Amino acid sequence: MTDHHLPPPLDVAPQAPDRNLALELVRVTEAGAMASGRWVGRGDKNGADGAAVRAMRTLISTVSMNGVVVIGEGEKDHAPMLYNGERVGDGTGPECDVAVDPVDGTTLTAKGMGNAVSVLAVAERGAMFDPSAVFYMNKLATGPEAAEFVDIDAPPEVNVRRVAKAKGGSPADVTVVILDRPRHGDLVRRVRESGARIKFIQDGDVAGAIMSVREGTGVDLLLGVGGTPEGIIAACAIKCLGGTIQGKLWPRDEEERRAALDAGHDLDRVLHTDDLVHGENAFFVATGVTDGELLRGVRYRAETATTQSLVVRSRSGTIRQIDSTHRLSKLRAYSAVDFDSPAGG
């Protein structure tokens, strides 16, 4: 008997990348964090980065996607794994852009300092801005309350006041995160004169941007010059979390300026979140390497390791914080990655 009251079955084309990708991707950043976590405080930032790269490269090959690394460890000639242009995933899933920073904060990891994370972002193929022409970018990021009021072309004290007003407070209530670099001397002076507080970060540009948009971190605004690739990765996260990131390419010298102009870039153009990563199907995952405002770092015991990860997807707006306990004996049985010592990968 046919029930004519039932609606016809929905013919829904699968969205790419697929929603199930998120939990596959977090296994990759967990691997990177657990591998690099053994190097915390050991004074070897290249050792920490190399361990994370090897672990993530091993795990990413199992993910159901047909990915191309658009932001990775560098050009093929200088990076044996996760280089720009490398195909990653098992080749069966959707085509997508992949941005990876095995350790955002290698110096933080080497010194045992906070806020080092392992990060991975995925979006539809062709969605991510090409960062190759100019390595640095002047950036502003803030959360949803103030997103529509800030302007990277405005003076820093104006943006501090706008953020304060949007949040119902005064400039003295605003905390600005800034990379601790000599180039930021004037910016620091003006932010201080505005009455705002400053949280300096030594490294970890991606984590700094995400702190500025996420509730509960104690940070309200990110200002200053940092890496263009990190800006694009942060844009993937901010597209998922809400808030805004604005950027302007910042050539370091005349040679970079000329290369950018030759590549067709307008150096006066303000790049917004959707310019840095367009489309509505971006994923961002991060796992803590060291403790920070964003995530807890890796903890090791005799037979287990614990990790904390952030997993977000722009299409659904779902934000997951995942606490995982990994039995090292089980990982040894099936994984090609050595999570037991810094000497391993």
Protein backbone atom coordinates (compact mmCIF):
# COMPACT_ATOMS: atom_id res chain seq x y z
CA MET A 1 0.00 0.00 0.00
CA THR A 2 1.32 3.46 -0.89
CA ASP A 3 0.94 6.23 1.67
CA HIS A 4 0.35 9.36 -0.42
CA HIS A 5 0.75 11.56 2.65
CA LEU A 6 4.49 10.89 2.87
CA PRO A 7 6.72 13.44 1.14
CA PRO A 8 8.97 12.14 -1.63
CA PRO A 9 12.48 11.20 -0.56
CA LEU A 10 14.89 14.11 -0.56
CA ASP A 11 17.49 14.07 -3.32
CA VAL A 12 20.30 15.85 -1.57
CA ALA A 13 23.68 16.14 -3.25
CA PRO A 14 26.52 15.66 -0.77
CA GLN A 15 28.24 18.87 0.22
CA ALA A 16 31.98 18.91 -0.24
CA PRO A 17 33.99 18.76 1.94
CA ASP A 18 31.79 16.35 3.88
CA ARG A 19 30.70 17.03 7.45
CA ASN A 20 32.30 13.78 8.67
CA LEU A 21 35.68 15.22 7.72
CA ALA A 22 35.93 17.17 10.97
CA LEU A 23 36.55 14.20 13.22
CA GLU A 24 38.98 12.69 10.74
CA LEU A 25 40.94 15.93 10.66
CA VAL A 26 41.24 16.20 14.44
CA ARG A 27 43.11 12.89 14.50
CA VAL A 28 45.76 14.59 12.36
CA THR A 29 46.30 17.55 14.71
CA GLU A 30 46.21 15.24 17.74
CA ALA A 31 49.05 13.27 16.16
CA GLY A 32 51.01 16.44 15.46
CA ALA A 33 50.53 17.70 19.01
CA MET A 34 51.46 14.40 20.66
CA ALA A 35 54.60 14.07 18.54
CA SER A 36 55.79 17.65 19.06
CA GLY A 37 54.71 17.65 22.71
CA ARG A 38 57.68 15.43 23.55
CA TRP A 39 59.93 18.34 22.50
CA VAL A 40 58.41 20.94 24.83
CA GLY A 41 61.12 22.90 26.64
CA ARG A 42 63.99 21.02 24.98
CA GLY A 43 65.31 24.05 23.10
CA ASP A 44 64.97 22.56 19.63
CA LYS A 45 62.20 24.21 17.62
CA ASN A 46 63.19 22.40 14.42
CA GLY A 47 63.01 19.05 16.19
CA ALA A 48 59.52 19.85 17.46
CA ASP A 49 58.35 20.99 14.03
CA GLY A 50 59.88 17.99 12.25
CA ALA A 51 58.22 15.54 14.63
CA ALA A 52 54.83 17.18 14.08
CA VAL A 53 55.29 17.25 10.30
CA ARG A 54 56.10 13.54 10.13
CA ALA A 55 53.19 12.58 12.38
CA MET A 56 50.67 14.72 10.53
CA ARG A 57 51.87 13.57 7.12
CA THR A 58 51.36 9.95 8.19
CA LEU A 59 47.84 10.53 9.53
CA ILE A 60 46.61 12.91 6.81
CA SER A 61 47.11 10.21 4.18
CA THR A 62 44.20 8.30 5.77
CA VAL A 63 41.68 11.18 5.60
CA SER A 64 38.83 10.81 3.09
CA MET A 65 39.64 13.76 0.88
CA ASN A 66 41.45 14.72 -2.29
CA GLY A 67 43.43 17.63 -0.91
CA VAL A 68 46.11 19.96 -2.18
CA VAL A 69 48.38 21.73 0.30
CA VAL A 70 48.14 25.44 -0.46
CA ILE A 71 49.75 26.56 2.81
CA GLY A 72 52.32 24.17 4.19
CA GLU A 73 55.94 23.82 5.14
CA GLY A 74 57.23 25.71 2.10
CA GLU A 75 58.18 24.95 -1.47
CA LYS A 76 58.89 21.38 -2.54
CA ASP A 77 62.64 21.97 -2.88
CA HIS A 78 62.89 23.01 0.78
CA ALA A 79 60.24 20.85 2.46
CA PRO A 80 60.22 17.05 2.09
CA MET A 81 56.68 16.71 3.46
CA LEU A 82 53.52 18.83 3.54
CA TYR A 83 55.04 21.11 0.92
CA ASN A 84 52.97 23.56 -1.09
CA GLY A 85 51.25 21.73 -3.94
CA GLU A 86 51.51 18.27 -2.35
CA ARG A 87 48.45 16.03 -2.73
CA VAL A 88 47.18 14.78 0.62
CA GLY A 89 44.35 12.54 1.79
CA ASP A 90 43.45 9.11 0.46
CA GLY A 91 42.22 10.53 -2.84
CA THR A 92 38.65 9.27 -2.46
CA GLY A 93 36.92 12.30 -1.02
CA PRO A 94 36.12 15.80 -2.18
CA GLU A 95 38.67 18.12 -3.76
CA CYS A 96 39.79 20.72 -1.26
CA ASP A 97 42.42 23.26 -0.27
CA VAL A 98 44.47 22.29 2.78
CA ALA A 99 46.38 24.67 5.04
CA VAL A 100 48.58 23.15 7.71
CA ASP A 101 50.78 24.56 10.46
CA PRO A 102 52.13 21.51 12.30
CA VAL A 103 53.27 23.72 15.19
CA ASP A 104 51.99 27.27 15.37
CA GLY A 105 54.52 28.44 17.92
CA THR A 106 57.71 26.41 17.41
CA THR A 107 59.71 28.82 19.59
CA LEU A 108 57.01 28.59 22.28
CA THR A 109 57.30 24.81 22.17
CA ALA A 110 61.10 24.85 22.34
CA LYS A 111 60.98 27.18 25.36
CA GLY A 112 58.08 25.44 27.10
CA MET A 113 55.92 28.56 26.79
CA GLY A 114 52.16 28.70 26.40
CA ASN A 115 49.78 28.80 23.42
CA ALA A 116 51.57 26.50 20.98
CA VAL A 117 49.04 24.57 18.88
CA SER A 118 48.95 22.16 15.97
CA VAL A 119 46.50 23.41 13.33
CA LEU A 120 44.85 22.30 10.11
CA ALA A 121 42.29 24.05 7.92
CA VAL A 122 40.36 22.67 4.95
CA ALA A 123 38.08 24.46 2.48
CA GLU A 124 36.65 23.86 -0.96
CA ARG A 125 39.19 23.73 -3.78
CA GLY A 126 40.27 27.23 -4.78
CA ALA A 127 38.71 28.89 -1.73
CA MET A 128 41.90 30.06 0.01
CA PHE A 129 43.77 33.25 -0.87
CA ASP A 130 47.18 32.65 -2.48
CA PRO A 131 49.76 33.90 0.04
CA SER A 132 52.81 33.40 -2.16
CA ALA A 133 53.47 37.00 -3.28
CA VAL A 134 53.91 38.69 0.13
CA PHE A 135 54.86 36.78 3.26
CA TYR A 136 53.67 39.38 5.77
CA MET A 137 50.32 41.04 6.37
CA ASN A 138 49.10 43.79 8.68
CA LYS A 139 46.16 42.28 10.57
CA LEU A 140 43.21 43.13 12.76
CA ALA A 141 40.91 40.55 14.33
CA THR A 142 38.08 40.79 16.82
CA GLY A 143 34.98 38.91 17.90
CA PRO A 144 31.34 39.13 16.77
CA GLU A 145 30.31 42.03 19.04
CA ALA A 146 32.71 44.52 17.45
CA ALA A 147 33.17 42.95 14.00
CA GLU A 148 31.12 45.53 12.10
CA PHE A 149 32.66 48.55 13.83
CA VAL A 150 36.43 48.03 13.36
CA ASP A 151 38.52 49.18 10.41
CA ILE A 152 42.16 48.28 9.83
CA ASP A 153 42.72 51.65 8.14
CA ALA A 154 41.61 53.50 11.29
CA PRO A 155 44.18 54.45 13.96
CA PRO A 156 44.68 51.79 16.65
CA GLU A 157 43.25 54.02 19.39
CA VAL A 158 40.05 54.42 17.36
CA ASN A 159 39.66 50.67 17.02
CA VAL A 160 40.28 50.21 20.75
CA ARG A 161 37.49 52.71 21.51
CA ARG A 162 35.13 51.04 19.02
CA VAL A 163 35.75 47.60 20.51
CA ALA A 164 35.23 48.97 24.02
CA LYS A 165 31.95 50.63 23.03
CA ALA A 166 30.68 47.52 21.22
CA LYS A 167 31.38 45.45 24.34
CA GLY A 168 29.77 47.97 26.66
CA GLY A 169 32.99 48.92 28.42
CA SER A 170 35.82 51.45 28.37
CA PRO A 171 39.24 51.28 26.64
CA ALA A 172 40.72 50.21 29.97
CA ASP A 173 38.66 47.01 29.73
CA VAL A 174 40.13 46.07 26.33
CA THR A 175 43.08 43.69 25.95
CA VAL A 176 44.98 43.78 22.67
CA VAL A 177 47.20 40.88 21.58
CA ILE A 178 50.33 41.95 19.66
CA LEU A 179 53.35 40.00 18.42
CA ASP A 180 56.40 41.17 20.40
CA ARG A 181 58.49 42.55 17.54
CA PRO A 182 60.57 45.76 17.15
CA ARG A 183 58.40 46.79 14.17
CA HIS A 184 55.45 47.25 16.53
CA GLY A 185 57.04 49.97 18.70
CA ASP A 186 54.74 52.77 17.52
CA LEU A 187 51.66 50.51 17.59
CA VAL A 188 52.42 49.51 21.18
CA ARG A 189 52.83 53.14 22.24
CA ARG A 190 49.51 54.17 20.70
CA VAL A 191 47.61 51.22 22.16
CA ARG A 192 49.00 52.02 25.61
CA GLU A 193 48.07 55.69 25.22
CA SER A 194 44.51 54.61 24.38
CA GLY A 195 44.24 53.08 27.86
CA ALA A 196 44.03 49.46 26.69
CA ARG A 197 46.06 46.58 28.07
CA ILE A 198 48.44 44.54 25.90
CA LYS A 199 49.13 40.83 25.87
CA PHE A 200 52.39 40.22 24.04
CA ILE A 201 52.94 36.95 22.24
CA GLN A 202 56.38 35.73 21.22
CA ASP A 203 55.10 33.49 18.45
CA GLY A 204 51.85 31.77 17.56
CA ASP A 205 50.10 34.17 15.23
CA VAL A 206 47.16 31.83 14.52
CA ALA A 207 46.39 31.25 18.19
CA GLY A 208 46.58 35.00 18.86
CA ALA A 209 43.95 35.76 16.21
CA ILE A 210 41.62 33.05 17.48
CA MET A 211 41.99 34.28 21.06
CA SER A 212 40.73 37.68 19.94
CA VAL A 213 37.44 36.27 18.63
CA ARG A 214 36.75 33.52 21.17
CA GLU A 215 34.83 34.24 24.36
CA GLY A 216 36.61 33.56 27.62
CA THR A 217 40.23 34.04 26.51
CA GLY A 218 40.59 37.51 28.02
CA VAL A 219 41.63 38.97 24.64
CA ASP A 220 39.46 41.40 22.67
CA LEU A 221 41.50 42.53 19.66
CA LEU A 222 44.53 41.48 17.62
CA LEU A 223 46.61 44.16 15.92
CA GLY A 224 49.90 44.21 14.04
CA VAL A 225 51.96 42.58 11.33
CA GLY A 226 52.30 38.80 11.14
CA GLY A 227 52.50 36.05 8.56
CA THR A 228 50.15 36.03 5.58
CA PRO A 229 49.76 32.21 5.65
CA GLU A 230 48.83 32.38 9.32
CA GLY A 231 46.28 35.06 8.49
CA ILE A 232 44.58 32.76 6.00
CA ILE A 233 44.52 29.85 8.45
CA ALA A 234 43.09 32.16 11.11
CA ALA A 235 40.45 33.33 8.62
CA CYS A 236 39.25 29.72 8.27
CA ALA A 237 38.82 29.55 12.04
CA ILE A 238 37.14 32.96 12.27
CA LYS A 239 34.74 32.08 9.45
CA CYS A 240 33.64 29.18 11.65
CA LEU A 241 33.75 30.93 15.05
CA GLY A 242 32.33 34.32 14.08
CA GLY A 243 34.01 37.69 14.28
CA THR A 244 36.22 39.26 11.64
CA ILE A 245 39.77 39.37 10.39
CA GLN A 246 41.01 42.17 8.16
CA GLY A 247 44.40 42.24 6.49
CA LYS A 248 46.57 44.32 4.17
CA LEU A 249 49.60 42.85 2.46
CA TRP A 250 52.80 44.25 3.99
CA PRO A 251 55.88 43.90 1.76
CA ARG A 252 59.12 43.93 3.71
CA ASP A 253 61.15 45.63 1.00
CA GLU A 254 61.03 47.05 -2.51
CA GLU A 255 61.65 43.63 -4.07
CA GLU A 256 58.60 42.14 -2.33
CA ARG A 257 56.54 45.20 -3.18
CA ARG A 258 57.43 44.90 -6.85
CA ALA A 259 56.70 41.15 -6.86
CA ALA A 260 53.29 41.77 -5.31
CA LEU A 261 52.41 44.45 -7.86
CA ASP A 262 53.65 42.24 -10.72
CA ALA A 263 51.37 39.47 -9.42
CA GLY A 264 48.42 41.87 -9.66
CA HIS A 265 47.94 42.61 -5.96
CA ASP A 266 46.54 45.95 -4.80
CA LEU A 267 48.57 46.79 -1.71
CA ASP A 268 45.93 49.28 -0.55
CA ARG A 269 43.15 46.71 -0.64
CA VAL A 270 41.70 45.55 2.66
CA LEU A 271 41.27 41.78 2.63
CA HIS A 272 38.30 40.64 4.71
CA THR A 273 37.49 37.18 6.05
CA ASP A 274 35.69 36.15 2.87
CA ASP A 275 38.57 37.37 0.71
CA LEU A 276 41.02 35.19 2.64
CA VAL A 277 38.78 32.12 2.45
CA HIS A 278 35.57 32.21 0.45
CA GLY A 279 32.67 29.77 0.39
CA GLU A 280 30.69 28.45 3.31
CA ASN A 281 32.26 25.08 3.92
CA ALA A 282 35.48 25.56 5.83
CA PHE A 283 36.84 23.38 8.61
CA PHE A 284 39.37 24.36 11.25
CA VAL A 285 40.92 22.05 13.82
CA ALA A 286 43.56 22.77 16.45
CA THR A 287 45.10 20.67 19.20
CA GLY A 288 47.06 22.20 22.07
CA VAL A 289 50.76 21.44 22.31
CA THR A 290 51.42 23.62 25.36
CA ASP A 291 48.91 25.11 27.81
CA GLY A 292 47.30 28.38 26.81
CA GLU A 293 44.18 30.54 26.84
CA LEU A 294 42.91 28.66 23.81
CA LEU A 295 43.59 25.01 24.64
CA ARG A 296 45.26 22.80 27.21
CA GLY A 297 48.54 21.23 26.12
CA VAL A 298 49.43 17.55 25.82
CA ARG A 299 49.74 15.63 29.08
CA TYR A 300 51.72 12.38 29.25
CA ARG A 301 51.47 9.56 31.76
CA ALA A 302 53.13 6.16 31.77
CA GLU A 303 50.70 4.61 29.30
CA THR A 304 48.46 7.45 28.13
CA ALA A 305 48.49 10.91 26.64
CA THR A 306 45.64 13.41 26.87
CA THR A 307 44.89 16.12 24.33
CA GLN A 308 42.44 18.97 24.00
CA SER A 309 41.24 20.11 20.59
CA LEU A 310 39.00 22.72 19.00
CA VAL A 311 36.97 21.55 15.99
CA VAL A 312 34.79 24.00 14.04
CA ARG A 313 32.90 24.04 10.76
CA SER A 314 31.56 27.17 9.06
CA ARG A 315 28.52 25.62 7.38
CA SER A 316 26.95 24.38 10.61
CA GLY A 317 28.55 26.85 13.00
CA THR A 318 29.14 23.95 15.39
CA ILE A 319 32.05 24.43 17.81
CA ARG A 320 33.37 21.31 19.48
CA GLN A 321 35.98 21.11 22.21
CA ILE A 322 37.27 17.56 22.36
CA ASP A 323 39.16 16.07 25.28
CA SER A 324 40.80 12.78 24.30
CA THR A 325 42.72 10.13 26.18
CA HIS A 326 45.08 8.11 23.98
CA ARG A 327 46.40 4.73 25.09
CA LEU A 328 49.98 4.69 23.86
CA SER A 329 50.08 0.89 23.71
CA LYS A 330 47.15 0.92 21.28
CA LEU A 331 48.77 3.64 19.19
CA ARG A 332 51.99 1.64 19.01
CA ALA A 333 50.07 -1.33 17.65
CA TYR A 334 48.63 0.40 14.61
CA SER A 335 50.42 3.72 14.09
CA ALA A 336 53.60 4.34 12.13
CA VAL A 337 54.19 7.35 14.38
CA ASP A 338 56.44 7.09 17.44
CA PHE A 339 54.77 9.07 20.23
CA ASP A 340 57.06 7.75 22.94
CA SER A 341 60.15 9.93 22.77
CA PRO A 342 61.63 13.05 21.15
CA ALA A 343 64.02 10.86 19.19
CA GLY A 344 61.09 9.31 17.35
CA GLY A 345 58.88 10.95 14.73
